[in-house]
N, C-alpha and C. Protein backbone atom coordinates (compact mmCIF):
# COMPACT_ATOMS: atom_id res chain seq x y z
N UNK A 1 -194.89 56.94 35.68
CA UNK A 1 -196.10 56.45 35.07
C UNK A 1 -196.09 54.93 35.09
N UNK A 2 -197.24 54.36 35.38
CA UNK A 2 -197.40 52.91 35.39
C UNK A 2 -198.38 52.54 34.29
N UNK A 3 -197.94 51.66 33.41
CA UNK A 3 -198.79 51.21 32.33
C UNK A 3 -199.67 50.06 32.82
N UNK A 4 -200.97 50.22 32.72
CA UNK A 4 -201.92 49.19 33.15
C UNK A 4 -202.45 48.51 31.89
N UNK A 5 -202.09 47.26 31.70
CA UNK A 5 -202.50 46.54 30.50
C UNK A 5 -203.74 45.68 30.71
N UNK A 6 -204.02 45.35 31.96
CA UNK A 6 -205.18 44.52 32.27
C UNK A 6 -206.41 45.41 32.39
N UNK A 7 -207.40 45.27 31.50
CA UNK A 7 -208.58 46.13 31.56
C UNK A 7 -209.38 45.98 32.85
N UNK A 8 -209.21 44.88 33.56
CA UNK A 8 -209.90 44.68 34.83
C UNK A 8 -209.33 45.56 35.94
N UNK A 9 -208.13 46.07 35.75
CA UNK A 9 -207.46 46.89 36.77
C UNK A 9 -207.61 48.39 36.51
N UNK A 10 -208.23 48.76 35.43
CA UNK A 10 -208.36 50.18 35.10
C UNK A 10 -209.43 50.83 35.96
N UNK A 11 -209.22 52.07 36.31
CA UNK A 11 -210.23 52.83 37.04
C UNK A 11 -210.28 52.47 38.52
N UNK A 12 -211.23 53.06 39.21
CA UNK A 12 -211.38 52.87 40.65
C UNK A 12 -211.72 51.44 41.03
N UNK A 13 -212.56 50.80 40.25
CA UNK A 13 -213.08 49.48 40.63
C UNK A 13 -212.04 48.37 40.57
N UNK A 14 -210.89 48.61 40.02
CA UNK A 14 -209.82 47.62 39.99
C UNK A 14 -208.76 47.86 41.04
N UNK A 15 -208.96 48.86 41.90
CA UNK A 15 -207.97 49.18 42.93
C UNK A 15 -208.19 48.34 44.18
N UNK A 16 -207.11 47.78 44.68
CA UNK A 16 -207.19 46.92 45.86
C UNK A 16 -207.77 47.65 47.07
N UNK A 17 -207.47 48.93 47.22
CA UNK A 17 -207.98 49.66 48.38
C UNK A 17 -209.51 49.70 48.38
N UNK A 18 -210.10 49.96 47.24
CA UNK A 18 -211.56 50.00 47.15
C UNK A 18 -212.16 48.61 47.31
N UNK A 19 -211.52 47.61 46.75
CA UNK A 19 -212.01 46.23 46.85
C UNK A 19 -211.93 45.72 48.29
N UNK A 20 -210.90 46.13 49.03
CA UNK A 20 -210.80 45.77 50.45
C UNK A 20 -211.85 46.50 51.28
N UNK A 21 -212.05 47.76 50.98
CA UNK A 21 -213.05 48.58 51.68
C UNK A 21 -214.45 47.99 51.54
N UNK A 22 -214.72 47.37 50.41
CA UNK A 22 -216.05 46.84 50.13
C UNK A 22 -216.12 45.32 50.31
N UNK A 23 -215.33 44.80 51.21
CA UNK A 23 -215.34 43.39 51.58
C UNK A 23 -215.48 43.29 53.09
N UNK A 24 -215.78 42.10 53.57
CA UNK A 24 -215.73 41.85 55.00
C UNK A 24 -214.41 41.14 55.29
N UNK A 25 -214.12 40.87 56.53
CA UNK A 25 -212.80 40.37 56.91
C UNK A 25 -212.38 39.09 56.20
N UNK A 26 -213.30 38.17 56.00
CA UNK A 26 -212.90 36.86 55.48
C UNK A 26 -213.50 36.50 54.12
N UNK A 27 -214.22 37.44 53.49
CA UNK A 27 -214.81 37.14 52.17
C UNK A 27 -215.19 38.44 51.46
N UNK A 28 -215.50 38.27 50.20
CA UNK A 28 -215.98 39.42 49.43
C UNK A 28 -217.41 39.74 49.83
N UNK A 29 -217.88 40.91 49.40
CA UNK A 29 -219.27 41.28 49.67
C UNK A 29 -219.85 41.95 48.43
N UNK A 30 -220.50 41.17 47.55
CA UNK A 30 -221.13 41.79 46.40
C UNK A 30 -222.15 42.86 46.79
N UNK A 31 -222.74 42.71 47.97
CA UNK A 31 -223.70 43.71 48.45
C UNK A 31 -222.99 45.04 48.71
N UNK A 32 -221.90 45.00 49.48
CA UNK A 32 -221.16 46.23 49.79
C UNK A 32 -220.57 46.84 48.52
N UNK A 33 -220.09 46.00 47.62
CA UNK A 33 -219.50 46.50 46.38
C UNK A 33 -220.57 47.13 45.49
N UNK A 34 -221.72 46.48 45.38
CA UNK A 34 -222.81 47.03 44.59
C UNK A 34 -223.35 48.32 45.19
N UNK A 35 -223.45 48.35 46.51
CA UNK A 35 -223.93 49.56 47.20
C UNK A 35 -222.95 50.71 46.97
N UNK A 36 -221.65 50.42 47.00
CA UNK A 36 -220.64 51.44 46.76
C UNK A 36 -220.80 52.02 45.35
N UNK A 37 -220.97 51.14 44.37
CA UNK A 37 -221.15 51.60 42.99
C UNK A 37 -222.36 52.52 42.90
N UNK A 38 -223.47 52.10 43.50
CA UNK A 38 -224.70 52.90 43.45
C UNK A 38 -224.54 54.24 44.17
N UNK A 39 -224.05 54.18 45.41
CA UNK A 39 -223.99 55.37 46.26
C UNK A 39 -222.91 56.35 45.84
N UNK A 40 -221.70 55.86 45.75
CA UNK A 40 -220.54 56.73 45.56
C UNK A 40 -220.32 57.09 44.09
N UNK A 41 -220.37 56.10 43.22
CA UNK A 41 -220.05 56.37 41.82
C UNK A 41 -221.24 56.90 41.02
N UNK A 42 -222.44 56.43 41.34
CA UNK A 42 -223.62 56.83 40.57
C UNK A 42 -224.51 57.84 41.30
N UNK A 43 -224.24 58.06 42.59
CA UNK A 43 -225.02 59.02 43.36
C UNK A 43 -226.47 58.60 43.55
N UNK A 44 -226.72 57.30 43.56
CA UNK A 44 -228.07 56.77 43.70
C UNK A 44 -228.09 55.77 44.85
N UNK A 45 -228.24 56.25 46.09
CA UNK A 45 -228.23 55.30 47.20
C UNK A 45 -229.45 54.39 47.19
N UNK A 46 -229.24 53.12 47.57
CA UNK A 46 -230.38 52.21 47.65
C UNK A 46 -231.26 52.59 48.84
N UNK A 47 -232.49 52.11 48.88
CA UNK A 47 -233.34 52.39 50.03
C UNK A 47 -232.76 51.73 51.28
N UNK A 48 -233.10 52.24 52.47
CA UNK A 48 -232.58 51.62 53.69
C UNK A 48 -233.13 50.20 53.85
N UNK A 49 -232.37 49.34 54.53
CA UNK A 49 -232.84 47.96 54.73
C UNK A 49 -234.03 47.93 55.69
N UNK A 50 -234.84 46.88 55.60
CA UNK A 50 -235.95 46.75 56.55
C UNK A 50 -235.40 46.55 57.97
N UNK A 51 -236.26 46.65 58.94
CA UNK A 51 -235.85 46.58 60.34
C UNK A 51 -235.04 45.35 60.73
N UNK A 52 -235.48 44.19 60.34
CA UNK A 52 -234.79 42.95 60.71
C UNK A 52 -234.28 42.29 59.43
N UNK A 53 -232.98 42.27 59.28
CA UNK A 53 -232.37 41.67 58.10
C UNK A 53 -231.57 40.45 58.55
N UNK A 54 -231.90 39.26 58.06
CA UNK A 54 -231.11 38.09 58.44
C UNK A 54 -229.71 38.18 57.85
N UNK A 55 -228.73 37.77 58.64
CA UNK A 55 -227.34 37.79 58.18
C UNK A 55 -227.14 36.72 57.12
N UNK A 56 -226.20 37.00 56.22
CA UNK A 56 -225.84 36.02 55.20
C UNK A 56 -225.12 34.87 55.88
N UNK A 57 -225.52 33.64 55.56
CA UNK A 57 -224.83 32.48 56.12
C UNK A 57 -223.40 32.47 55.62
N UNK A 58 -222.48 32.17 56.50
CA UNK A 58 -221.09 32.01 56.11
C UNK A 58 -220.89 30.59 55.60
N UNK A 59 -219.81 30.38 54.87
CA UNK A 59 -219.56 29.07 54.26
C UNK A 59 -219.55 27.95 55.29
N UNK A 60 -218.99 28.19 56.47
CA UNK A 60 -218.88 27.15 57.50
C UNK A 60 -220.24 26.76 58.08
N UNK A 61 -221.24 27.62 57.93
CA UNK A 61 -222.57 27.33 58.48
C UNK A 61 -223.38 26.39 57.60
N UNK A 62 -222.98 26.21 56.36
CA UNK A 62 -223.71 25.35 55.43
C UNK A 62 -223.25 23.91 55.56
N UNK A 63 -224.12 22.99 55.21
CA UNK A 63 -223.75 21.58 55.27
C UNK A 63 -222.82 21.19 54.13
N UNK A 64 -222.85 21.93 53.03
CA UNK A 64 -221.94 21.70 51.92
C UNK A 64 -221.34 23.04 51.50
N UNK A 65 -220.13 23.02 50.95
CA UNK A 65 -219.50 24.28 50.54
C UNK A 65 -220.33 24.98 49.45
N UNK A 66 -220.45 26.28 49.56
CA UNK A 66 -221.16 27.08 48.56
C UNK A 66 -220.39 28.38 48.34
N UNK A 67 -220.57 28.96 47.18
CA UNK A 67 -219.93 30.23 46.87
C UNK A 67 -220.74 31.38 47.50
N UNK A 68 -220.14 32.54 47.57
CA UNK A 68 -220.84 33.73 48.07
C UNK A 68 -222.07 33.98 47.20
N UNK A 69 -221.92 33.82 45.90
CA UNK A 69 -223.05 34.05 44.99
C UNK A 69 -224.22 33.12 45.32
N UNK A 70 -223.93 31.84 45.56
CA UNK A 70 -225.00 30.88 45.89
C UNK A 70 -225.68 31.26 47.20
N UNK A 71 -224.90 31.66 48.20
CA UNK A 71 -225.50 32.05 49.48
C UNK A 71 -226.34 33.31 49.34
N UNK A 72 -225.90 34.23 48.51
CA UNK A 72 -226.69 35.45 48.29
C UNK A 72 -227.96 35.16 47.51
N UNK A 73 -227.91 34.23 46.58
CA UNK A 73 -229.12 33.85 45.84
C UNK A 73 -230.16 33.28 46.80
N UNK A 74 -229.71 32.48 47.76
CA UNK A 74 -230.62 31.94 48.76
C UNK A 74 -231.20 33.08 49.60
N UNK A 75 -230.36 34.00 50.01
CA UNK A 75 -230.79 35.17 50.80
C UNK A 75 -231.80 36.00 50.01
N UNK A 76 -231.56 36.16 48.73
CA UNK A 76 -232.44 36.96 47.88
C UNK A 76 -233.75 36.27 47.56
N UNK A 77 -233.88 35.01 47.93
CA UNK A 77 -235.15 34.32 47.68
C UNK A 77 -236.25 34.87 48.60
N UNK A 78 -235.87 35.54 49.68
CA UNK A 78 -236.81 36.22 50.55
C UNK A 78 -237.26 37.50 49.83
N UNK A 79 -238.55 37.63 49.57
CA UNK A 79 -239.06 38.76 48.78
C UNK A 79 -238.70 40.12 49.38
N UNK A 80 -238.69 40.23 50.70
CA UNK A 80 -238.34 41.49 51.36
C UNK A 80 -236.89 41.85 51.07
N UNK A 81 -236.01 40.87 51.12
CA UNK A 81 -234.58 41.10 50.85
C UNK A 81 -234.33 41.37 49.37
N UNK A 82 -235.05 40.66 48.52
CA UNK A 82 -234.84 40.75 47.08
C UNK A 82 -235.09 42.14 46.53
N UNK A 83 -235.99 42.89 47.13
CA UNK A 83 -236.33 44.22 46.64
C UNK A 83 -235.09 45.11 46.53
N UNK A 84 -234.30 45.16 47.59
CA UNK A 84 -233.09 46.00 47.57
C UNK A 84 -231.92 45.31 46.86
N UNK A 85 -231.80 44.00 47.11
CA UNK A 85 -230.64 43.29 46.57
C UNK A 85 -230.64 43.23 45.05
N UNK A 86 -231.79 43.24 44.42
CA UNK A 86 -231.79 43.19 42.95
C UNK A 86 -231.14 44.44 42.38
N UNK A 87 -231.12 45.52 43.13
CA UNK A 87 -230.47 46.75 42.67
C UNK A 87 -228.98 46.75 42.98
N UNK A 88 -228.60 46.28 44.17
CA UNK A 88 -227.21 46.39 44.62
C UNK A 88 -226.33 45.24 44.21
N UNK A 89 -226.78 44.04 44.50
CA UNK A 89 -225.92 42.88 44.40
C UNK A 89 -225.49 42.55 42.98
N UNK A 90 -226.34 42.84 42.03
CA UNK A 90 -226.02 42.47 40.64
C UNK A 90 -224.74 43.13 40.14
N UNK A 91 -224.52 44.41 40.43
CA UNK A 91 -223.27 45.03 39.99
C UNK A 91 -222.10 44.54 40.84
N UNK A 92 -222.35 44.17 42.08
CA UNK A 92 -221.30 43.62 42.93
C UNK A 92 -220.80 42.27 42.43
N UNK A 93 -221.68 41.48 41.83
CA UNK A 93 -221.25 40.19 41.27
C UNK A 93 -220.21 40.39 40.17
N UNK A 94 -220.26 41.48 39.46
CA UNK A 94 -219.29 41.73 38.39
C UNK A 94 -217.88 41.93 38.94
N UNK A 95 -217.75 42.16 40.24
CA UNK A 95 -216.44 42.36 40.87
C UNK A 95 -215.99 41.14 41.67
N UNK A 96 -216.68 40.03 41.55
CA UNK A 96 -216.39 38.84 42.34
C UNK A 96 -215.06 38.18 41.99
N UNK A 97 -214.48 38.47 40.83
CA UNK A 97 -213.17 37.88 40.52
C UNK A 97 -212.08 38.46 41.39
N UNK A 98 -212.36 39.54 42.09
CA UNK A 98 -211.39 40.11 43.02
C UNK A 98 -211.68 39.57 44.42
N UNK A 99 -210.65 39.05 45.07
CA UNK A 99 -210.85 38.54 46.43
C UNK A 99 -210.97 39.71 47.42
N UNK A 100 -211.07 39.46 48.73
CA UNK A 100 -211.27 40.55 49.68
C UNK A 100 -210.16 41.61 49.71
N UNK A 101 -208.96 41.27 49.27
CA UNK A 101 -207.89 42.26 49.25
C UNK A 101 -207.53 42.71 47.83
N UNK A 102 -208.33 42.32 46.86
CA UNK A 102 -208.14 42.80 45.49
C UNK A 102 -207.32 41.92 44.57
N UNK A 103 -206.88 40.75 45.04
CA UNK A 103 -206.14 39.83 44.16
C UNK A 103 -207.13 39.16 43.22
N UNK A 104 -206.68 38.89 42.00
CA UNK A 104 -207.53 38.23 41.01
C UNK A 104 -207.68 36.76 41.38
N UNK A 105 -208.87 36.23 41.23
CA UNK A 105 -209.12 34.82 41.51
C UNK A 105 -210.10 34.27 40.48
N UNK A 106 -210.10 32.95 40.34
CA UNK A 106 -211.00 32.33 39.37
C UNK A 106 -212.00 31.42 40.05
N UNK A 107 -211.86 31.20 41.39
CA UNK A 107 -212.82 30.35 42.09
C UNK A 107 -213.13 30.92 43.47
N UNK A 108 -214.28 30.52 43.99
CA UNK A 108 -214.73 30.90 45.32
C UNK A 108 -215.23 29.62 45.99
N UNK A 109 -214.59 29.24 47.08
CA UNK A 109 -214.93 27.99 47.79
C UNK A 109 -214.88 26.78 46.85
N UNK A 110 -213.97 26.81 45.88
CA UNK A 110 -213.81 25.71 44.94
C UNK A 110 -214.73 25.76 43.73
N UNK A 111 -215.59 26.76 43.65
CA UNK A 111 -216.52 26.91 42.53
C UNK A 111 -216.03 28.01 41.60
N UNK A 112 -216.17 27.83 40.28
CA UNK A 112 -215.75 28.89 39.35
C UNK A 112 -216.54 30.18 39.62
N UNK A 113 -215.85 31.30 39.51
CA UNK A 113 -216.50 32.60 39.70
C UNK A 113 -217.40 32.89 38.51
N UNK A 114 -218.60 33.34 38.79
CA UNK A 114 -219.52 33.81 37.76
C UNK A 114 -219.57 35.33 37.91
N UNK A 115 -218.85 36.03 37.04
CA UNK A 115 -218.76 37.49 37.12
C UNK A 115 -219.87 38.21 36.38
N UNK A 116 -220.88 37.48 35.95
CA UNK A 116 -221.99 38.12 35.25
C UNK A 116 -222.85 38.87 36.25
N UNK A 117 -223.28 40.04 35.85
CA UNK A 117 -224.15 40.85 36.70
C UNK A 117 -224.95 41.80 35.85
N UNK A 118 -225.65 42.67 36.53
CA UNK A 118 -226.45 43.68 35.84
C UNK A 118 -226.39 44.97 36.65
N UNK A 119 -226.51 46.06 35.96
CA UNK A 119 -226.67 47.33 36.64
C UNK A 119 -228.12 47.44 37.08
N UNK A 120 -228.40 48.35 37.98
CA UNK A 120 -229.78 48.48 38.46
C UNK A 120 -230.75 48.87 37.37
N UNK A 121 -230.22 49.42 36.24
CA UNK A 121 -231.09 49.76 35.11
C UNK A 121 -231.25 48.62 34.12
N UNK A 122 -230.66 47.45 34.43
CA UNK A 122 -230.80 46.27 33.58
C UNK A 122 -229.67 46.04 32.61
N UNK A 123 -228.73 46.99 32.48
CA UNK A 123 -227.59 46.81 31.57
C UNK A 123 -226.75 45.62 32.04
N UNK A 124 -226.38 44.73 31.12
CA UNK A 124 -225.62 43.53 31.47
C UNK A 124 -224.16 43.84 31.69
N UNK A 125 -223.58 43.15 32.67
CA UNK A 125 -222.15 43.24 32.97
C UNK A 125 -221.59 41.83 32.92
N UNK A 126 -220.39 41.68 32.39
CA UNK A 126 -219.80 40.34 32.32
C UNK A 126 -218.47 40.28 33.04
N UNK A 127 -218.25 41.14 33.98
CA UNK A 127 -217.01 41.13 34.76
C UNK A 127 -216.59 42.55 35.11
N UNK A 128 -215.44 42.67 35.78
CA UNK A 128 -215.02 43.97 36.26
C UNK A 128 -214.73 45.02 35.19
N UNK A 129 -214.20 44.61 34.04
CA UNK A 129 -213.91 45.62 33.02
C UNK A 129 -215.21 46.21 32.47
N UNK A 130 -216.26 45.41 32.37
CA UNK A 130 -217.57 45.91 31.91
C UNK A 130 -218.17 46.83 32.95
N UNK A 131 -218.00 46.48 34.23
CA UNK A 131 -218.55 47.32 35.30
C UNK A 131 -217.83 48.67 35.30
N UNK A 132 -216.53 48.65 35.13
CA UNK A 132 -215.76 49.91 35.09
C UNK A 132 -216.16 50.78 33.92
N UNK A 133 -216.41 50.17 32.77
CA UNK A 133 -216.80 50.93 31.59
C UNK A 133 -218.22 51.48 31.73
N UNK A 134 -219.09 50.73 32.36
CA UNK A 134 -220.49 51.12 32.49
C UNK A 134 -220.71 52.12 33.61
N UNK A 135 -219.94 51.96 34.70
CA UNK A 135 -220.11 52.83 35.86
C UNK A 135 -219.37 54.10 35.60
């Protein structure tokens, strides 16, 4: 038996395997993590994406460093994208303290992590332990 004292590591959402599965090679993906929560844990898949979806800009493509959250906020400013992302991405933000392989982190591209999010029903999340309790 392994005693888990960190509430952020309890349950499925604190496991490195799931956090790696819901990331891309070089960064986290609040979209993939939020979609996983909706589809797999809650049984509520989001609607399919529209035909042409612009890719999220990577950090190197910007003129100044930005966090994943900032780049996603810019992406979500497009009304077509925002429709689906408001359901998925918000719960994914609650898992942002975990890096792509599941290690705990406090910053992204030099910016403090903002783990605040919401479930698609509007319930507030303030980090991974809240997401695990709510999901």
